N, C-alpha and C. Protein backbone atom coordinates (compact mmCIF):
# COMPACT_ATOMS: atom_id res chain seq x y z
N MET A 1 -39.63 -38.05 14.21
CA MET A 1 -40.03 -38.89 15.34
C MET A 1 -39.86 -40.35 14.95
N SER A 2 -39.70 -41.19 15.91
CA SER A 2 -39.48 -42.61 15.66
C SER A 2 -40.72 -43.24 15.05
N GLU A 3 -40.57 -44.51 14.69
CA GLU A 3 -41.70 -45.23 14.10
C GLU A 3 -42.68 -45.71 15.15
N LYS A 4 -42.41 -45.42 16.42
CA LYS A 4 -43.34 -45.80 17.48
C LYS A 4 -44.63 -45.00 17.32
N ALA A 5 -45.63 -45.37 18.10
CA ALA A 5 -46.88 -44.63 18.07
C ALA A 5 -46.62 -43.19 18.46
N LYS A 6 -47.37 -42.28 17.85
CA LYS A 6 -47.21 -40.86 18.14
C LYS A 6 -47.51 -40.60 19.61
N LEU A 7 -46.70 -39.74 20.22
CA LEU A 7 -46.92 -39.39 21.62
C LEU A 7 -48.29 -38.75 21.79
N ASP A 8 -49.01 -39.18 22.79
CA ASP A 8 -50.30 -38.57 23.10
C ASP A 8 -50.04 -37.42 24.07
N ILE A 9 -49.82 -36.24 23.51
CA ILE A 9 -49.43 -35.09 24.32
C ILE A 9 -50.51 -34.73 25.33
N ASP A 10 -51.77 -34.82 24.94
CA ASP A 10 -52.85 -34.48 25.89
C ASP A 10 -52.85 -35.43 27.08
N ALA A 11 -52.65 -36.73 26.82
CA ALA A 11 -52.62 -37.70 27.92
C ALA A 11 -51.41 -37.46 28.81
N LEU A 12 -50.24 -37.19 28.20
CA LEU A 12 -49.05 -36.92 29.00
C LEU A 12 -49.21 -35.64 29.82
N ARG A 13 -49.86 -34.64 29.24
CA ARG A 13 -50.11 -33.39 29.96
C ARG A 13 -51.01 -33.65 31.17
N ALA A 14 -52.04 -34.47 31.00
CA ALA A 14 -52.95 -34.79 32.11
C ALA A 14 -52.20 -35.53 33.22
N VAL A 15 -51.35 -36.47 32.84
CA VAL A 15 -50.57 -37.22 33.83
C VAL A 15 -49.62 -36.29 34.58
N ALA A 16 -48.92 -35.43 33.85
CA ALA A 16 -47.98 -34.50 34.48
C ALA A 16 -48.71 -33.49 35.36
N SER A 17 -49.90 -33.08 34.95
CA SER A 17 -50.68 -32.12 35.74
C SER A 17 -51.14 -32.71 37.07
N ALA A 18 -51.32 -34.04 37.09
CA ALA A 18 -51.79 -34.70 38.32
C ALA A 18 -50.65 -34.98 39.29
N ALA A 19 -49.40 -34.89 38.83
CA ALA A 19 -48.25 -35.16 39.68
C ALA A 19 -47.88 -33.91 40.49
N PRO A 20 -47.18 -34.10 41.59
CA PRO A 20 -46.75 -32.94 42.38
C PRO A 20 -45.89 -31.99 41.56
N ARG A 21 -46.17 -30.71 41.67
CA ARG A 21 -45.41 -29.68 40.95
C ARG A 21 -44.16 -29.33 41.74
N GLY A 22 -43.34 -28.50 41.15
CA GLY A 22 -42.14 -28.04 41.82
C GLY A 22 -40.97 -28.98 41.61
N ARG A 23 -39.80 -28.53 42.02
CA ARG A 23 -38.59 -29.34 41.88
C ARG A 23 -38.61 -30.45 42.92
N TRP A 24 -38.36 -31.67 42.47
CA TRP A 24 -38.32 -32.81 43.37
C TRP A 24 -36.92 -32.92 43.95
N SER A 25 -36.84 -33.28 45.21
CA SER A 25 -35.54 -33.48 45.85
C SER A 25 -35.60 -34.70 46.76
N VAL A 26 -34.44 -35.34 46.90
CA VAL A 26 -34.33 -36.54 47.74
C VAL A 26 -33.79 -36.12 49.10
N TRP A 27 -34.47 -36.52 50.14
CA TRP A 27 -34.06 -36.25 51.52
C TRP A 27 -33.74 -37.58 52.18
N THR A 28 -32.82 -37.55 53.11
CA THR A 28 -32.52 -38.74 53.91
C THR A 28 -32.78 -38.40 55.36
N SER A 29 -33.54 -39.27 56.02
CA SER A 29 -33.85 -39.06 57.43
C SER A 29 -33.99 -40.44 58.08
N ASN A 30 -33.31 -40.63 59.18
CA ASN A 30 -33.36 -41.92 59.88
C ASN A 30 -33.02 -43.08 58.95
N SER A 31 -32.04 -42.84 58.06
CA SER A 31 -31.57 -43.85 57.10
C SER A 31 -32.63 -44.21 56.05
N TRP A 32 -33.69 -43.45 55.94
CA TRP A 32 -34.71 -43.66 54.93
C TRP A 32 -34.65 -42.50 53.94
N ARG A 33 -34.74 -42.82 52.68
CA ARG A 33 -34.78 -41.76 51.67
C ARG A 33 -36.23 -41.45 51.35
N ARG A 34 -36.45 -40.16 51.14
CA ARG A 34 -37.79 -39.68 50.79
C ARG A 34 -37.64 -38.71 49.64
N VAL A 35 -38.69 -38.56 48.85
CA VAL A 35 -38.70 -37.57 47.77
C VAL A 35 -39.84 -36.61 48.05
N PHE A 36 -39.50 -35.32 48.04
CA PHE A 36 -40.49 -34.26 48.24
C PHE A 36 -40.41 -33.29 47.07
N SER A 37 -41.50 -32.58 46.84
CA SER A 37 -41.46 -31.48 45.89
C SER A 37 -41.63 -30.18 46.67
N ASP A 38 -40.96 -29.17 46.20
CA ASP A 38 -41.03 -27.86 46.84
C ASP A 38 -42.03 -27.01 46.07
N GLN A 39 -43.18 -26.78 46.69
CA GLN A 39 -44.22 -25.98 46.05
C GLN A 39 -44.35 -24.66 46.80
N ARG A 40 -43.54 -23.70 46.33
CA ARG A 40 -43.53 -22.37 46.94
C ARG A 40 -43.28 -22.44 48.44
N GLY A 41 -42.25 -23.19 48.83
CA GLY A 41 -41.88 -23.28 50.24
C GLY A 41 -42.61 -24.36 51.01
N LYS A 42 -43.65 -24.95 50.43
CA LYS A 42 -44.37 -26.04 51.10
C LYS A 42 -43.85 -27.36 50.52
N HIS A 43 -43.46 -28.27 51.40
CA HIS A 43 -42.92 -29.55 50.96
C HIS A 43 -44.05 -30.57 50.85
N VAL A 44 -44.22 -31.09 49.64
CA VAL A 44 -45.28 -32.05 49.36
C VAL A 44 -44.65 -33.42 49.12
N SER A 45 -45.22 -34.43 49.75
CA SER A 45 -44.70 -35.79 49.63
C SER A 45 -44.86 -36.31 48.21
N VAL A 46 -43.77 -36.83 47.66
CA VAL A 46 -43.79 -37.48 46.35
C VAL A 46 -43.69 -38.98 46.56
N ILE A 47 -42.62 -39.42 47.24
CA ILE A 47 -42.42 -40.84 47.54
C ILE A 47 -41.83 -40.92 48.95
N GLU A 48 -42.43 -41.78 49.77
CA GLU A 48 -41.92 -41.97 51.13
C GLU A 48 -41.86 -43.47 51.44
N PRO A 49 -40.90 -43.86 52.26
CA PRO A 49 -40.81 -45.27 52.64
C PRO A 49 -41.85 -45.59 53.72
N THR A 50 -42.21 -46.84 53.75
CA THR A 50 -43.10 -47.32 54.80
C THR A 50 -42.80 -48.79 55.03
N THR A 51 -43.34 -49.32 56.10
CA THR A 51 -43.23 -50.74 56.38
C THR A 51 -44.64 -51.30 56.44
N GLN A 52 -44.88 -52.32 55.64
CA GLN A 52 -46.19 -52.96 55.65
C GLN A 52 -46.40 -53.72 56.95
N ARG A 53 -47.65 -54.08 57.23
CA ARG A 53 -47.95 -54.81 58.47
C ARG A 53 -47.18 -56.11 58.60
N ASP A 54 -46.84 -56.71 57.43
CA ASP A 54 -46.09 -57.98 57.47
C ASP A 54 -44.59 -57.75 57.61
N GLY A 55 -44.16 -56.49 57.76
CA GLY A 55 -42.75 -56.18 57.97
C GLY A 55 -41.97 -55.88 56.70
N HIS A 56 -42.61 -56.01 55.54
CA HIS A 56 -41.92 -55.74 54.28
C HIS A 56 -41.85 -54.23 54.01
N ALA A 57 -40.71 -53.81 53.51
CA ALA A 57 -40.56 -52.40 53.13
C ALA A 57 -41.39 -52.11 51.89
N ASP A 58 -41.89 -50.90 51.82
CA ASP A 58 -42.73 -50.50 50.68
C ASP A 58 -42.54 -49.00 50.46
N LEU A 59 -43.19 -48.51 49.43
CA LEU A 59 -43.15 -47.08 49.13
C LEU A 59 -44.57 -46.53 49.10
N LEU A 60 -44.73 -45.33 49.63
CA LEU A 60 -45.98 -44.59 49.52
C LEU A 60 -45.78 -43.51 48.47
N PHE A 61 -46.68 -43.46 47.50
CA PHE A 61 -46.58 -42.47 46.44
C PHE A 61 -47.60 -41.36 46.68
N GLY A 62 -47.19 -40.12 46.44
CA GLY A 62 -48.12 -38.99 46.49
C GLY A 62 -49.12 -39.11 45.35
N ALA A 63 -50.13 -38.26 45.39
CA ALA A 63 -51.20 -38.30 44.38
C ALA A 63 -50.61 -38.18 42.97
N GLY A 64 -50.94 -39.12 42.11
CA GLY A 64 -50.54 -39.09 40.71
C GLY A 64 -49.11 -39.49 40.42
N VAL A 65 -48.33 -39.79 41.45
CA VAL A 65 -46.91 -40.05 41.25
C VAL A 65 -46.65 -41.36 40.51
N ALA A 66 -47.30 -42.45 40.92
CA ALA A 66 -47.05 -43.74 40.28
C ALA A 66 -47.38 -43.66 38.79
N THR A 67 -48.50 -43.08 38.45
CA THR A 67 -48.89 -42.94 37.04
C THR A 67 -47.88 -42.09 36.29
N TYR A 68 -47.44 -41.01 36.93
CA TYR A 68 -46.45 -40.13 36.32
C TYR A 68 -45.16 -40.90 36.03
N LEU A 69 -44.66 -41.63 37.02
CA LEU A 69 -43.41 -42.38 36.83
C LEU A 69 -43.54 -43.44 35.74
N GLU A 70 -44.69 -44.09 35.66
CA GLU A 70 -44.90 -45.12 34.65
C GLU A 70 -45.09 -44.52 33.26
N SER A 71 -45.56 -43.27 33.18
CA SER A 71 -45.88 -42.64 31.90
C SER A 71 -44.71 -41.88 31.29
N PHE A 72 -43.69 -41.58 32.08
CA PHE A 72 -42.58 -40.77 31.59
C PHE A 72 -41.24 -41.50 31.70
N PRO A 73 -41.10 -42.63 31.01
CA PRO A 73 -39.78 -43.27 31.00
C PRO A 73 -38.81 -42.38 30.21
N ALA A 74 -37.55 -42.67 30.32
CA ALA A 74 -36.52 -41.87 29.64
C ALA A 74 -36.79 -41.77 28.14
N GLU A 75 -37.32 -42.83 27.54
CA GLU A 75 -37.59 -42.80 26.10
C GLU A 75 -38.60 -41.71 25.74
N VAL A 76 -39.62 -41.54 26.58
CA VAL A 76 -40.62 -40.50 26.33
C VAL A 76 -39.99 -39.12 26.48
N ALA A 77 -39.20 -38.94 27.53
CA ALA A 77 -38.54 -37.65 27.73
C ALA A 77 -37.61 -37.33 26.56
N LEU A 78 -36.84 -38.32 26.10
CA LEU A 78 -35.93 -38.10 24.98
C LEU A 78 -36.69 -37.79 23.70
N GLU A 79 -37.80 -38.47 23.48
CA GLU A 79 -38.60 -38.21 22.28
C GLU A 79 -39.20 -36.80 22.33
N LEU A 80 -39.66 -36.39 23.50
CA LEU A 80 -40.17 -35.02 23.64
C LEU A 80 -39.07 -34.00 23.40
N LEU A 81 -37.87 -34.27 23.91
CA LEU A 81 -36.75 -33.37 23.67
C LEU A 81 -36.37 -33.32 22.19
N ASP A 82 -36.43 -34.46 21.50
CA ASP A 82 -36.16 -34.49 20.06
C ASP A 82 -37.18 -33.63 19.32
N GLU A 83 -38.46 -33.76 19.70
CA GLU A 83 -39.50 -32.97 19.05
C GLU A 83 -39.31 -31.48 19.34
N LEU A 84 -38.91 -31.14 20.56
CA LEU A 84 -38.66 -29.75 20.91
C LEU A 84 -37.50 -29.20 20.08
N ALA A 85 -36.44 -29.98 19.94
CA ALA A 85 -35.29 -29.53 19.15
C ALA A 85 -35.69 -29.31 17.69
N ALA A 86 -36.50 -30.24 17.15
CA ALA A 86 -36.96 -30.10 15.77
C ALA A 86 -37.85 -28.86 15.61
N ALA A 87 -38.72 -28.62 16.59
CA ALA A 87 -39.59 -27.44 16.53
C ALA A 87 -38.77 -26.15 16.60
N ARG A 88 -37.75 -26.14 17.45
CA ARG A 88 -36.88 -24.95 17.54
C ARG A 88 -36.14 -24.72 16.23
N ALA A 89 -35.67 -25.79 15.60
CA ALA A 89 -34.98 -25.66 14.32
C ALA A 89 -35.94 -25.14 13.25
N ALA A 90 -37.16 -25.67 13.24
CA ALA A 90 -38.16 -25.19 12.27
C ALA A 90 -38.50 -23.73 12.52
N HIS A 91 -38.58 -23.35 13.79
CA HIS A 91 -38.85 -21.96 14.14
C HIS A 91 -37.73 -21.06 13.61
N ALA A 92 -36.49 -21.49 13.79
CA ALA A 92 -35.35 -20.70 13.32
C ALA A 92 -35.39 -20.57 11.80
N ASP A 93 -35.72 -21.68 11.11
CA ASP A 93 -35.83 -21.63 9.64
C ASP A 93 -36.93 -20.67 9.22
N LEU A 94 -38.07 -20.73 9.90
CA LEU A 94 -39.18 -19.84 9.58
C LEU A 94 -38.79 -18.39 9.82
N PHE A 95 -38.10 -18.14 10.91
CA PHE A 95 -37.65 -16.79 11.23
C PHE A 95 -36.74 -16.25 10.12
N ARG A 96 -35.81 -17.10 9.64
CA ARG A 96 -34.92 -16.68 8.55
C ARG A 96 -35.72 -16.39 7.28
N LEU A 97 -36.73 -17.21 6.99
CA LEU A 97 -37.57 -16.97 5.81
C LEU A 97 -38.35 -15.67 5.94
N LEU A 98 -38.85 -15.40 7.14
CA LEU A 98 -39.56 -14.14 7.35
C LEU A 98 -38.63 -12.94 7.15
N GLU A 99 -37.40 -13.05 7.63
CA GLU A 99 -36.44 -11.96 7.43
C GLU A 99 -36.16 -11.75 5.94
N ARG A 100 -36.04 -12.85 5.20
CA ARG A 100 -35.83 -12.74 3.75
C ARG A 100 -37.04 -12.13 3.07
N ALA A 101 -38.25 -12.55 3.48
CA ALA A 101 -39.47 -11.97 2.90
C ALA A 101 -39.54 -10.49 3.19
N ARG A 102 -39.20 -10.12 4.40
CA ARG A 102 -39.20 -8.70 4.77
C ARG A 102 -38.23 -7.92 3.89
N GLY A 103 -37.07 -8.48 3.64
CA GLY A 103 -36.09 -7.82 2.77
C GLY A 103 -36.61 -7.66 1.35
N ALA A 104 -37.26 -8.71 0.84
CA ALA A 104 -37.81 -8.64 -0.52
C ALA A 104 -38.91 -7.59 -0.60
N ILE A 105 -39.77 -7.55 0.39
CA ILE A 105 -40.84 -6.55 0.39
C ILE A 105 -40.27 -5.14 0.51
N ASP A 106 -39.26 -4.97 1.37
CA ASP A 106 -38.61 -3.66 1.49
C ASP A 106 -38.05 -3.21 0.15
N LEU A 107 -37.39 -4.13 -0.55
CA LEU A 107 -36.82 -3.80 -1.86
C LEU A 107 -37.90 -3.39 -2.84
N LEU A 108 -38.99 -4.16 -2.88
CA LEU A 108 -40.10 -3.82 -3.78
C LEU A 108 -40.71 -2.46 -3.45
N LEU A 109 -40.89 -2.20 -2.16
CA LEU A 109 -41.45 -0.91 -1.77
C LEU A 109 -40.51 0.24 -2.16
N ALA A 110 -39.21 0.03 -1.97
CA ALA A 110 -38.24 1.07 -2.36
C ALA A 110 -38.31 1.33 -3.85
N GLN A 111 -38.43 0.26 -4.65
CA GLN A 111 -38.54 0.43 -6.10
C GLN A 111 -39.83 1.16 -6.46
N MET A 112 -40.91 0.85 -5.76
CA MET A 112 -42.18 1.52 -6.04
C MET A 112 -42.09 3.01 -5.70
N ILE A 113 -41.43 3.33 -4.60
CA ILE A 113 -41.28 4.73 -4.20
C ILE A 113 -40.42 5.47 -5.22
N MET A 114 -39.36 4.81 -5.72
CA MET A 114 -38.52 5.45 -6.72
C MET A 114 -39.28 5.68 -8.02
N ALA A 115 -40.14 4.72 -8.39
CA ALA A 115 -40.90 4.85 -9.63
C ALA A 115 -42.01 5.89 -9.50
N ALA A 116 -42.59 5.99 -8.31
CA ALA A 116 -43.70 6.95 -8.08
C ALA A 116 -43.46 7.60 -6.72
N PRO A 117 -42.75 8.76 -6.69
CA PRO A 117 -42.40 9.39 -5.42
C PRO A 117 -43.58 9.69 -4.50
N ASP A 118 -44.79 9.80 -5.06
CA ASP A 118 -45.95 10.08 -4.20
C ASP A 118 -46.54 8.80 -3.60
N PHE A 119 -45.96 7.64 -3.93
CA PHE A 119 -46.42 6.36 -3.37
C PHE A 119 -46.13 6.32 -1.87
N ARG A 120 -47.09 5.85 -1.12
CA ARG A 120 -46.93 5.70 0.33
C ARG A 120 -47.06 4.21 0.68
N PRO A 121 -46.03 3.64 1.35
CA PRO A 121 -46.07 2.21 1.69
C PRO A 121 -47.32 1.82 2.47
N THR A 122 -47.79 2.70 3.35
CA THR A 122 -48.96 2.33 4.16
C THR A 122 -50.22 2.20 3.31
N GLN A 123 -50.16 2.66 2.08
CA GLN A 123 -51.31 2.52 1.17
C GLN A 123 -51.18 1.28 0.30
N SER A 124 -50.06 0.59 0.42
CA SER A 124 -49.80 -0.57 -0.41
C SER A 124 -50.61 -1.77 0.08
N VAL A 125 -50.90 -2.67 -0.86
CA VAL A 125 -51.61 -3.90 -0.50
C VAL A 125 -50.72 -4.83 0.31
N VAL A 126 -49.41 -4.60 0.25
CA VAL A 126 -48.50 -5.45 1.02
C VAL A 126 -48.28 -4.93 2.44
N TRP A 127 -48.83 -3.76 2.77
CA TRP A 127 -48.60 -3.19 4.10
C TRP A 127 -49.08 -4.12 5.23
N PRO A 128 -50.27 -4.73 5.12
CA PRO A 128 -50.67 -5.66 6.19
C PRO A 128 -49.68 -6.82 6.34
N ASP A 129 -49.12 -7.29 5.23
CA ASP A 129 -48.11 -8.35 5.31
C ASP A 129 -46.86 -7.85 6.01
N MET A 130 -46.47 -6.62 5.72
CA MET A 130 -45.30 -6.03 6.38
C MET A 130 -45.52 -5.98 7.89
N LEU A 131 -46.71 -5.56 8.30
CA LEU A 131 -47.02 -5.49 9.73
C LEU A 131 -47.00 -6.87 10.37
N ALA A 132 -47.56 -7.88 9.67
CA ALA A 132 -47.59 -9.24 10.20
C ALA A 132 -46.17 -9.80 10.33
N ILE A 133 -45.34 -9.56 9.34
CA ILE A 133 -43.95 -10.04 9.40
C ILE A 133 -43.21 -9.33 10.54
N ALA A 134 -43.41 -8.01 10.64
CA ALA A 134 -42.74 -7.26 11.70
C ALA A 134 -43.17 -7.78 13.08
N ALA A 135 -44.46 -8.09 13.24
CA ALA A 135 -44.95 -8.63 14.52
C ALA A 135 -44.32 -10.00 14.80
N ALA A 136 -44.20 -10.83 13.76
CA ALA A 136 -43.61 -12.16 13.95
C ALA A 136 -42.12 -12.06 14.28
N LEU A 137 -41.45 -11.08 13.73
CA LEU A 137 -40.02 -10.91 13.99
C LEU A 137 -39.77 -10.27 15.34
N GLY A 138 -40.80 -9.67 15.93
CA GLY A 138 -40.66 -9.05 17.25
C GLY A 138 -39.98 -7.70 17.16
N PRO A 139 -39.45 -7.23 18.29
CA PRO A 139 -38.85 -5.90 18.34
C PRO A 139 -37.75 -5.70 17.30
N LYS A 140 -37.06 -6.78 16.98
CA LYS A 140 -35.98 -6.71 16.00
C LYS A 140 -36.50 -6.31 14.62
N GLY A 141 -37.74 -6.69 14.30
CA GLY A 141 -38.25 -6.45 12.95
C GLY A 141 -39.28 -5.35 12.87
N GLY A 142 -39.27 -4.42 13.78
CA GLY A 142 -40.27 -3.35 13.80
C GLY A 142 -40.33 -2.57 12.51
N VAL A 143 -41.52 -2.04 12.20
CA VAL A 143 -41.74 -1.29 10.97
C VAL A 143 -41.31 0.14 11.14
């Protein structure tokens, strides 16, 4: 992450939770552009044009929209995407390490069975670790 202050994920989550959900889309009507969100078929106002009493054009923001727009500049979105990419890479590295650990444990168990044919892996002290690794690996790593 950059040398900027650490992202306050809880604050950003609160801001995003207060903004209209659903995909936002721009509509044009009577030469005015509007932004709505589609919430399960119901269109919720995000940003709409208006004219002030003095004749000046203005924008009406839906609940939480102005705060959301001010809190999520492109830099924040890019930093979140960088963190997501780093987390995915770390996850992939961890997954590879778990697969290697599983292989090492399998090899040790095979050697133990060869040395003592009456040995049962489920009686081994490493069996709970085998189950935990298999659960972390998902269906691919089943025991």
